[in-house]
PDB file of N, CA and C in Angstrom:
ATOM      1  N   MET A   1     125.357 114.836 127.726  1.00  0.00           N
ATOM      2  CA  MET A   1     126.164 114.553 126.544  1.00  0.00           C
ATOM      3  C   MET A   1     127.111 113.412 126.829  1.00  0.00           C
ATOM      4  N   ASN A   2     127.150 112.445 125.974  1.00  0.00           N
ATOM      5  CA  ASN A   2     128.065 111.325 126.152  1.00  0.00           C
ATOM      6  C   ASN A   2     129.294 111.525 125.252  1.00  0.00           C
ATOM      7  N   LYS A   3     130.210 110.583 125.291  1.00  0.00           N
ATOM      8  CA  LYS A   3     131.486 110.715 124.565  1.00  0.00           C
ATOM      9  C   LYS A   3     131.246 110.857 123.062  1.00  0.00           C
ATOM     10  N   THR A   4     130.371 110.064 122.494  1.00  0.00           N
ATOM     11  CA  THR A   4     130.075 110.103 121.065  1.00  0.00           C
ATOM     12  C   THR A   4     129.550 111.478 120.640  1.00  0.00           C
ATOM     13  N   GLU A   5     128.631 112.004 121.441  1.00  0.00           N
ATOM     14  CA  GLU A   5     128.078 113.321 121.165  1.00  0.00           C
ATOM     15  C   GLU A   5     129.156 114.414 121.308  1.00  0.00           C
ATOM     16  N   LEU A   6     130.026 114.262 122.316  1.00  0.00           N
ATOM     17  CA  LEU A   6     131.142 115.217 122.500  1.00  0.00           C
ATOM     18  C   LEU A   6     132.036 115.207 121.293  1.00  0.00           C
ATOM     19  N   VAL A   7     132.429 114.035 120.831  1.00  0.00           N
ATOM     20  CA  VAL A   7     133.300 113.931 119.667  1.00  0.00           C
ATOM     21  C   VAL A   7     132.676 114.591 118.458  1.00  0.00           C
ATOM     22  N   LYS A   8     131.391 114.357 118.190  1.00  0.00           N
ATOM     23  CA  LYS A   8     130.720 114.948 117.051  1.00  0.00           C
ATOM     24  C   LYS A   8     130.653 116.477 117.185  1.00  0.00           C
ATOM     25  N   ALA A   9     130.386 116.955 118.384  1.00  0.00           N
ATOM     26  CA  ALA A   9     130.307 118.411 118.607  1.00  0.00           C
ATOM     27  C   ALA A   9     131.666 119.068 118.378  1.00  0.00           C
ATOM     28  N   ILE A  10     132.720 118.467 118.863  1.00  0.00           N
ATOM     29  CA  ILE A  10     134.059 119.023 118.669  1.00  0.00           C
ATOM     30  C   ILE A  10     134.435 118.994 117.211  1.00  0.00           C
ATOM     31  N   ALA A  11     134.148 117.897 116.548  1.00  0.00           N
ATOM     32  CA  ALA A  11     134.449 117.742 115.114  1.00  0.00           C
ATOM     33  C   ALA A  11     133.790 118.834 114.306  1.00  0.00           C
ATOM     34  N   GLU A  12     132.508 119.080 114.570  1.00  0.00           N
ATOM     35  CA  GLU A  12     131.762 120.119 113.858  1.00  0.00           C
ATOM     36  C   GLU A  12     132.344 121.498 114.145  1.00  0.00           C
ATOM     37  N   ARG A  13     132.611 121.763 115.421  1.00  0.00           N
ATOM     38  CA  ARG A  13     133.096 123.110 115.816  1.00  0.00           C
ATOM     39  C   ARG A  13     134.510 123.385 115.269  1.00  0.00           C
ATOM     40  N   ALA A  14     135.342 122.342 115.228  1.00  0.00           N
ATOM     41  CA  ALA A  14     136.742 122.531 114.762  1.00  0.00           C
ATOM     42  C   ALA A  14     136.914 122.189 113.265  1.00  0.00           C
ATOM     43  N   ASN A  15     135.814 121.809 112.629  1.00  0.00           N
ATOM     44  CA  ASN A  15     135.839 121.461 111.195  1.00  0.00           C
ATOM     45  C   ASN A  15     136.855 120.330 110.950  1.00  0.00           C
ATOM     46  N   LEU A  16     136.724 119.269 111.743  1.00  0.00           N
ATOM     47  CA  LEU A  16     137.612 118.101 111.632  1.00  0.00           C
ATOM     48  C   LEU A  16     136.764 116.847 111.328  1.00  0.00           C
ATOM     49  N   LYS A  17     137.441 115.816 110.881  1.00  0.00           N
ATOM     50  CA  LYS A  17     136.775 114.544 110.679  1.00  0.00           C
ATOM     51  C   LYS A  17     136.463 113.936 112.022  1.00  0.00           C
ATOM     52  N   VAL A  18     135.350 113.226 112.121  1.00  0.00           N
ATOM     53  CA  VAL A  18     134.928 112.591 113.372  1.00  0.00           C
ATOM     54  C   VAL A  18     135.968 111.579 113.835  1.00  0.00           C
ATOM     55  N   ALA A  19     136.519 110.804 112.896  1.00  0.00           N
ATOM     56  CA  ALA A  19     137.542 109.811 113.256  1.00  0.00           C
ATOM     57  C   ALA A  19     138.786 110.464 113.856  1.00  0.00           C
ATOM     58  N   ASP A  20     139.233 111.578 113.265  1.00  0.00           N
ATOM     59  CA  ASP A  20     140.401 112.263 113.791  1.00  0.00           C
ATOM     60  C   ASP A  20     140.088 112.862 115.170  1.00  0.00           C
ATOM     61  N   THR A  21     138.906 113.394 115.326  1.00  0.00           N
ATOM     62  CA  THR A  21     138.500 113.972 116.593  1.00  0.00           C
ATOM     63  C   THR A  21     138.413 112.924 117.663  1.00  0.00           C
ATOM     64  N   GLU A  22     137.926 111.738 117.309  1.00  0.00           N
ATOM     65  CA  GLU A  22     137.814 110.649 118.308  1.00  0.00           C
ATOM     66  C   GLU A  22     139.201 110.257 118.770  1.00  0.00           C
ATOM     67  N   LYS A  23     140.183 110.178 117.850  1.00  0.00           N
ATOM     68  CA  LYS A  23     141.558 109.889 118.258  1.00  0.00           C
ATOM     69  C   LYS A  23     142.098 110.942 119.216  1.00  0.00           C
ATOM     70  N   LEU A  24     141.784 112.182 118.934  1.00  0.00           N
ATOM     71  CA  LEU A  24     142.261 113.297 119.749  1.00  0.00           C
ATOM     72  C   LEU A  24     141.642 113.205 121.166  1.00  0.00           C
ATOM     73  N   VAL A  25     140.340 112.983 121.251  1.00  0.00           N
ATOM     74  CA  VAL A  25     139.668 112.852 122.542  1.00  0.00           C
ATOM     75  C   VAL A  25     140.197 111.665 123.339  1.00  0.00           C
ATOM     76  N   ASN A  26     140.370 110.535 122.650  1.00  0.00           N
ATOM     77  CA  ASN A  26     140.937 109.373 123.323  1.00  0.00           C
ATOM     78  C   ASN A  26     142.337 109.606 123.829  1.00  0.00           C
ATOM     79  N   SER A  27     143.152 110.320 123.023  1.00  0.00           N
ATOM     80  CA  SER A  27     144.513 110.640 123.448  1.00  0.00           C
ATOM     81  C   SER A  27     144.508 111.575 124.654  1.00  0.00           C
ATOM     82  N   PHE A  28     143.585 112.525 124.643  1.00  0.00           N
ATOM     83  CA  PHE A  28     143.473 113.445 125.808  1.00  0.00           C
ATOM     84  C   PHE A  28     143.128 112.667 127.077  1.00  0.00           C
ATOM     85  N   ILE A  29     142.156 111.791 126.993  1.00  0.00           N
ATOM     86  CA  ILE A  29     141.708 111.000 128.135  1.00  0.00           C
ATOM     87  C   ILE A  29     142.872 110.105 128.621  1.00  0.00           C
ATOM     88  N   GLU A  30     143.562 109.450 127.713  1.00  0.00           N
ATOM     89  CA  GLU A  30     144.662 108.568 128.078  1.00  0.00           C
ATOM     90  C   GLU A  30     145.811 109.336 128.733  1.00  0.00           C
ATOM     91  N   THR A  31     146.122 110.511 128.161  1.00  0.00           N
ATOM     92  CA  THR A  31     147.207 111.324 128.724  1.00  0.00           C
ATOM     93  C   THR A  31     146.883 111.801 130.116  1.00  0.00           C
ATOM     94  N   VAL A  32     145.686 112.338 130.313  1.00  0.00           N
ATOM     95  CA  VAL A  32     145.282 112.808 131.644  1.00  0.00           C
ATOM     96  C   VAL A  32     145.267 111.618 132.636  1.00  0.00           C
ATOM     97  N   SER A  33     144.737 110.490 132.212  1.00  0.00           N
ATOM     98  CA  SER A  33     144.700 109.311 133.080  1.00  0.00           C
ATOM     99  C   SER A  33     146.085 108.883 133.492  1.00  0.00           C
ATOM    100  N   ASN A  34     147.009 108.842 132.569  1.00  0.00           N
ATOM    101  CA  ASN A  34     148.392 108.447 132.883  1.00  0.00           C
ATOM    102  C   ASN A  34     149.052 109.416 133.820  1.00  0.00           C
ATOM    103  N   GLU A  35     148.810 110.706 133.644  1.00  0.00           N
ATOM    104  CA  GLU A  35     149.397 111.700 134.557  1.00  0.00           C
ATOM    105  C   GLU A  35     148.866 111.528 135.958  1.00  0.00           C
ATOM    106  N   LEU A  36     147.539 111.281 136.087  1.00  0.00           N
ATOM    107  CA  LEU A  36     146.947 111.087 137.427  1.00  0.00           C
ATOM    108  C   LEU A  36     147.454 109.786 138.031  1.00  0.00           C
ATOM    109  N   LYS A  37     147.632 108.758 137.215  1.00  0.00           N
ATOM    110  CA  LYS A  37     148.151 107.488 137.710  1.00  0.00           C
ATOM    111  C   LYS A  37     149.556 107.666 138.299  1.00  0.00           C
ATOM    112  N   ASN A  38     150.328 108.569 137.710  1.00  0.00           N
ATOM    113  CA  ASN A  38     151.677 108.856 138.194  1.00  0.00           C
ATOM    114  C   ASN A  38     151.675 109.976 139.226  1.00  0.00           C
ATOM    115  N   ASN A  39     150.514 110.267 139.767  1.00  0.00           N
ATOM    116  CA  ASN A  39     150.327 111.259 140.866  1.00  0.00           C
ATOM    117  C   ASN A  39     150.748 112.673 140.469  1.00  0.00           C
ATOM    118  N   ARG A  40     150.536 113.023 139.192  1.00  0.00           N
ATOM    119  CA  ARG A  40     150.797 114.381 138.716  1.00  0.00           C
ATOM    120  C   ARG A  40     149.473 115.019 138.335  1.00  0.00           C
ATOM    121  N   LYS A  41     149.415 116.341 138.439  1.00  0.00           N
ATOM    122  CA  LYS A  41     148.172 117.013 138.100  1.00  0.00           C
ATOM    123  C   LYS A  41     148.263 117.620 136.697  1.00  0.00           C
ATOM    124  N   VAL A  42     147.135 117.853 136.098  1.00  0.00           N
ATOM    125  CA  VAL A  42     147.020 118.479 134.778  1.00  0.00           C
ATOM    126  C   VAL A  42     146.171 119.728 134.937  1.00  0.00           C
ATOM    127  N   THR A  43     146.787 120.862 134.607  1.00  0.00           N
ATOM    128  CA  THR A  43     146.070 122.136 134.754  1.00  0.00           C
ATOM    129  C   THR A  43     145.851 122.760 133.380  1.00  0.00           C
ATOM    130  N   LEU A  44     144.594 123.054 133.079  1.00  0.00           N
ATOM    131  CA  LEU A  44     144.194 123.747 131.876  1.00  0.00           C
ATOM    132  C   LEU A  44     143.706 125.119 132.324  1.00  0.00           C
ATOM    133  N   VAL A  45     144.548 126.135 132.190  1.00  0.00           N
ATOM    134  CA  VAL A  45     144.231 127.462 132.695  1.00  0.00           C
ATOM    135  C   VAL A  45     142.884 127.942 132.132  1.00  0.00           C
ATOM    136  N   GLY A  46     142.054 128.407 133.024  1.00  0.00           N
ATOM    137  CA  GLY A  46     140.722 128.875 132.651  1.00  0.00           C
ATOM    138  C   GLY A  46     139.668 127.763 132.628  1.00  0.00           C
ATOM    139  N   PHE A  47     140.099 126.526 132.506  1.00  0.00           N
ATOM    140  CA  PHE A  47     139.139 125.401 132.473  1.00  0.00           C
ATOM    141  C   PHE A  47     139.102 124.706 133.822  1.00  0.00           C
ATOM    142  N   GLY A  48     140.238 124.209 134.272  1.00  0.00           N
ATOM    143  CA  GLY A  48     140.288 123.536 135.560  1.00  0.00           C
ATOM    144  C   GLY A  48     141.511 122.668 135.714  1.00  0.00           C
ATOM    145  N   THR A  49     141.541 121.960 136.826  1.00  0.00           N
ATOM    146  CA  THR A  49     142.688 121.111 137.189  1.00  0.00           C
ATOM    147  C   THR A  49     142.213 119.693 137.509  1.00  0.00           C
ATOM    148  N   PHE A  50     142.852 118.719 136.861  1.00  0.00           N
ATOM    149  CA  PHE A  50     142.641 117.319 137.169  1.00  0.00           C
ATOM    150  C   PHE A  50     143.769 116.930 138.126  1.00  0.00           C
ATOM    151  N   ALA A  51     143.428 116.275 139.227  1.00  0.00           N
ATOM    152  CA  ALA A  51     144.441 115.869 140.207  1.00  0.00           C
ATOM    153  C   ALA A  51     143.959 114.606 140.918  1.00  0.00           C
ATOM    154  N   THR A  52     144.775 114.125 141.836  1.00  0.00           N
ATOM    155  CA  THR A  52     144.353 113.003 142.667  1.00  0.00           C
ATOM    156  C   THR A  52     144.261 113.466 144.113  1.00  0.00           C
ATOM    157  N   SER A  53     143.398 112.820 144.830  1.00  0.00           N
ATOM    158  CA  SER A  53     143.238 113.096 146.279  1.00  0.00           C
ATOM    159  C   SER A  53     143.302 111.775 147.018  1.00  0.00           C
ATOM    160  N   HIS A  54     143.994 111.799 148.163  1.00  0.00           N
ATOM    161  CA  HIS A  54     144.133 110.572 148.939  1.00  0.00           C
ATOM    162  C   HIS A  54     143.010 110.503 149.967  1.00  0.00           C
ATOM    163  N   ARG A  55     142.310 109.383 149.977  1.00  0.00           N
ATOM    164  CA  ARG A  55     141.291 109.147 150.990  1.00  0.00           C
ATOM    165  C   ARG A  55     141.858 108.154 152.003  1.00  0.00           C
ATOM    166  N   LYS A  56     141.790 108.546 153.258  1.00  0.00           N
ATOM    167  CA  LYS A  56     142.310 107.700 154.326  1.00  0.00           C
ATOM    168  C   LYS A  56     141.380 106.507 154.539  1.00  0.00           C
ATOM    169  N   GLN A  57     141.956 105.505 155.163  1.00  0.00           N
ATOM    170  CA  GLN A  57     141.142 104.331 155.549  1.00  0.00           C
ATOM    171  C   GLN A  57     140.092 104.785 156.555  1.00  0.00           C
ATOM    172  N   ARG A  58     138.890 104.218 156.438  1.00  0.00           N
ATOM    173  CA  ARG A  58     137.831 104.628 157.335  1.00  0.00           C
ATOM    174  C   ARG A  58     136.867 103.461 157.570  1.00  0.00           C
ATOM    175  N   VAL A  59     136.028 103.637 158.545  1.00  0.00           N
ATOM    176  CA  VAL A  59     135.031 102.599 158.874  1.00  0.00           C
ATOM    177  C   VAL A  59     133.695 103.017 158.256  1.00  0.00           C
ATOM    178  N   GLY A  60     133.085 102.081 157.538  1.00  0.00           N
ATOM    179  CA  GLY A  60     131.777 102.298 156.951  1.00  0.00           C
ATOM    180  C   GLY A  60     130.788 101.295 157.500  1.00  0.00           C
ATOM    181  N   VAL A  61     129.520 101.487 157.133  1.00  0.00           N
ATOM    182  CA  VAL A  61     128.455 100.590 157.595  1.00  0.00           C
ATOM    183  C   VAL A  61     127.688 100.090 156.405  1.00  0.00           C
ATOM    184  N   ASN A  62     127.490  98.768 156.311  1.00  0.00           N
ATOM    185  CA  ASN A  62     126.667  98.183 155.284  1.00  0.00           C
ATOM    186  C   ASN A  62     125.223  98.585 155.566  1.00  0.00           C
ATOM    187  N   PRO A  63     124.567  99.364 154.656  1.00  0.00           N
ATOM    188  CA  PRO A  63     123.240  99.855 154.942  1.00  0.00           C
ATOM    189  C   PRO A  63     122.168  98.762 155.102  1.00  0.00           C
ATOM    190  N   LYS A  64     122.395  97.603 154.470  1.00  0.00           N
ATOM    191  CA  LYS A  64     121.417  96.507 154.583  1.00  0.00           C
ATOM    192  C   LYS A  64     121.525  95.781 155.896  1.00  0.00           C
ATOM    193  N   THR A  65     122.764  95.465 156.294  1.00  0.00           N
ATOM    194  CA  THR A  65     122.948  94.625 157.464  1.00  0.00           C
ATOM    195  C   THR A  65     123.340  95.378 158.725  1.00  0.00           C
ATOM    196  N   GLY A  66     123.852  96.586 158.532  1.00  0.00           N
ATOM    197  CA  GLY A  66     124.319  97.366 159.689  1.00  0.00           C
ATOM    198  C   GLY A  66     125.700  96.953 160.184  1.00  0.00           C
ATOM    199  N   VAL A  67     126.333  95.996 159.484  1.00  0.00           N
ATOM    200  CA  VAL A  67     127.672  95.507 159.865  1.00  0.00           C
ATOM    201  C   VAL A  67     128.722  96.550 159.514  1.00  0.00           C
ATOM    202  N   LYS A  68     129.593  96.824 160.464  1.00  0.00           N
ATOM    203  CA  LYS A  68     130.723  97.765 160.204  1.00  0.00           C
ATOM    204  C   LYS A  68     131.765  97.068 159.367  1.00  0.00           C
ATOM    205  N   LEU A  69     132.354  97.825 158.444  1.00  0.00           N
ATOM    206  CA  LEU A  69     133.433  97.292 157.616  1.00  0.00           C
ATOM    207  C   LEU A  69     134.490  98.364 157.392  1.00  0.00           C
ATOM    208  N   THR A  70     135.692  97.914 157.089  1.00  0.00           N
ATOM    209  CA  THR A  70     136.799  98.842 156.864  1.00  0.00           C
ATOM    210  C   THR A  70     136.890  99.144 155.402  1.00  0.00           C
ATOM    211  N   ILE A  71     136.900 100.428 155.067  1.00  0.00           N
ATOM    212  CA  ILE A  71     137.078 100.877 153.682  1.00  0.00           C
ATOM    213  C   ILE A  71     138.549 101.273 153.559  1.00  0.00           C
ATOM    214  N   LYS A  72     139.258 100.607 152.646  1.00  0.00           N
ATOM    215  CA  LYS A  72     140.703 100.796 152.498  1.00  0.00           C
ATOM    216  C   LYS A  72     141.011 102.232 151.986  1.00  0.00           C
ATOM    217  N   ALA A  73     142.220 102.678 152.305  1.00  0.00           N
ATOM    218  CA  ALA A  73     142.716 103.944 151.808  1.00  0.00           C
ATOM    219  C   ALA A  73     142.924 103.834 150.304  1.00  0.00           C
ATOM    220  N   LYS A  74     142.722 104.927 149.593  1.00  0.00           N
ATOM    221  CA  LYS A  74     142.924 104.896 148.143  1.00  0.00           C
ATOM    222  C   LYS A  74     143.078 106.318 147.606  1.00  0.00           C
ATOM    223  N   ASP A  75     143.634 106.406 146.410  1.00  0.00           N
ATOM    224  CA  ASP A  75     143.735 107.660 145.700  1.00  0.00           C
ATOM    225  C   ASP A  75     142.574 107.713 144.696  1.00  0.00           C
ATOM    226  N   VAL A  76     141.926 108.877 144.619  1.00  0.00           N
ATOM    227  CA  VAL A  76     140.802 109.050 143.701  1.00  0.00           C
ATOM    228  C   VAL A  76     141.024 110.282 142.842  1.00  0.00           C
ATOM    229  N   PRO A  77     140.538 110.279 141.592  1.00  0.00           N
ATOM    230  CA  PRO A  77     140.682 111.443 140.752  1.00  0.00           C
ATOM    231  C   PRO A  77     139.688 112.533 141.168  1.00  0.00           C
ATOM    232  N   VAL A  78     140.134 113.793 141.063  1.00  0.00           N
ATOM    233  CA  VAL A  78     139.298 114.935 141.370  1.00  0.00           C
ATOM    234  C   VAL A  78     139.454 115.979 140.270  1.00  0.00           C
ATOM    235  N   PHE A  79     138.458 116.814 140.088  1.00  0.00           N
ATOM    236  CA  PHE A  79     138.502 117.915 139.119  1.00  0.00           C
ATOM    237  C   PHE A  79     138.046 119.167 139.840  1.00  0.00           C
ATOM    238  N   LYS A  80     138.872 120.209 139.719  1.00  0.00           N
ATOM    239  CA  LYS A  80     138.487 121.504 140.310  1.00  0.00           C
ATOM    240  C   LYS A  80     138.334 122.519 139.135  1.00  0.00           C
ATOM    241  N   ALA A  81     137.157 123.033 138.989  1.00  0.00           N
ATOM    242  CA  ALA A  81     136.854 123.964 137.888  1.00  0.00           C
ATOM    243  C   ALA A  81     137.619 125.258 138.098  1.00  0.00           C
ATOM    244  N   GLY A  82     138.114 125.830 136.975  1.00  0.00           N
ATOM    245  CA  GLY A  82     138.795 127.111 136.967  1.00  0.00           C
ATOM    246  C   GLY A  82     137.792 128.261 136.971  1.00  0.00           C
ATOM    247  N   LYS A  83     138.288 129.457 137.237  1.00  0.00           N
ATOM    248  CA  LYS A  83     137.451 130.641 137.359  1.00  0.00           C
ATOM    249  C   LYS A  83     136.663 130.919 136.081  1.00  0.00           C
ATOM    250  N   THR A  84     137.300 130.796 134.935  1.00  0.00           N
ATOM    251  CA  THR A  84     136.638 131.080 133.661  1.00  0.00           C
ATOM    252  C   THR A  84     135.471 130.115 133.444  1.00  0.00           C
ATOM    253  N   LEU A  85     135.683 128.842 133.709  1.00  0.00           N
ATOM    254  CA  LEU A  85     134.600 127.859 133.574  1.00  0.00           C
ATOM    255  C   LEU A  85     133.469 128.169 134.545  1.00  0.00           C
ATOM    256  N   LYS A  86     133.821 128.456 135.783  1.00  0.00           N
ATOM    257  CA  LYS A  86     132.804 128.803 136.792  1.00  0.00           C
ATOM    258  C   LYS A  86     131.950 129.984 136.354  1.00  0.00           C
ATOM    259  N   ASP A  87     132.637 131.000 135.808  1.00  0.00           N
ATOM    260  CA  ASP A  87     131.916 132.202 135.359  1.00  0.00           C
ATOM    261  C   ASP A  87     130.995 131.920 134.172  1.00  0.00           C
ATOM    262  N   LYS A  88     131.393 131.009 133.285  1.00  0.00           N
ATOM    263  CA  LYS A  88     130.550 130.662 132.126  1.00  0.00           C
ATOM    264  C   LYS A  88     129.303 129.902 132.561  1.00  0.00           C
ATOM    265  N   VAL A  89     129.411 129.124 133.617  1.00  0.00           N
ATOM    266  CA  VAL A  89     128.306 128.291 134.064  1.00  0.00           C
ATOM    267  C   VAL A  89     127.270 129.085 134.844  1.00  0.00           C
ATOM    268  N   LYS A  90     127.672 130.179 135.438  1.00  0.00           N
ATOM    269  CA  LYS A  90     126.773 130.992 136.263  1.00  0.00           C
ATOM    270  C   LYS A  90     125.459 131.238 135.578  1.00  0.00           C
TER     271      LYS A  90
END
């Protein structure tokens, strides 16, 4: 399912206009992104938690040439599914 299909599915389920639903989904994505950018987590009880994880600097290898290179430290977004979501997927 892509974003367009998700918006249509939510609109149908919530009996909303597609345009209004698209604004809502975009607002959700923007809000979660901003919170993660500011190193804060977003928890939706029963669904899961969006957070950031710090990856330390490490040495990698270019698979084509075999040359070692340094991969810089960075923060990456992570999602941990909640118990309710895990139980529904079983």
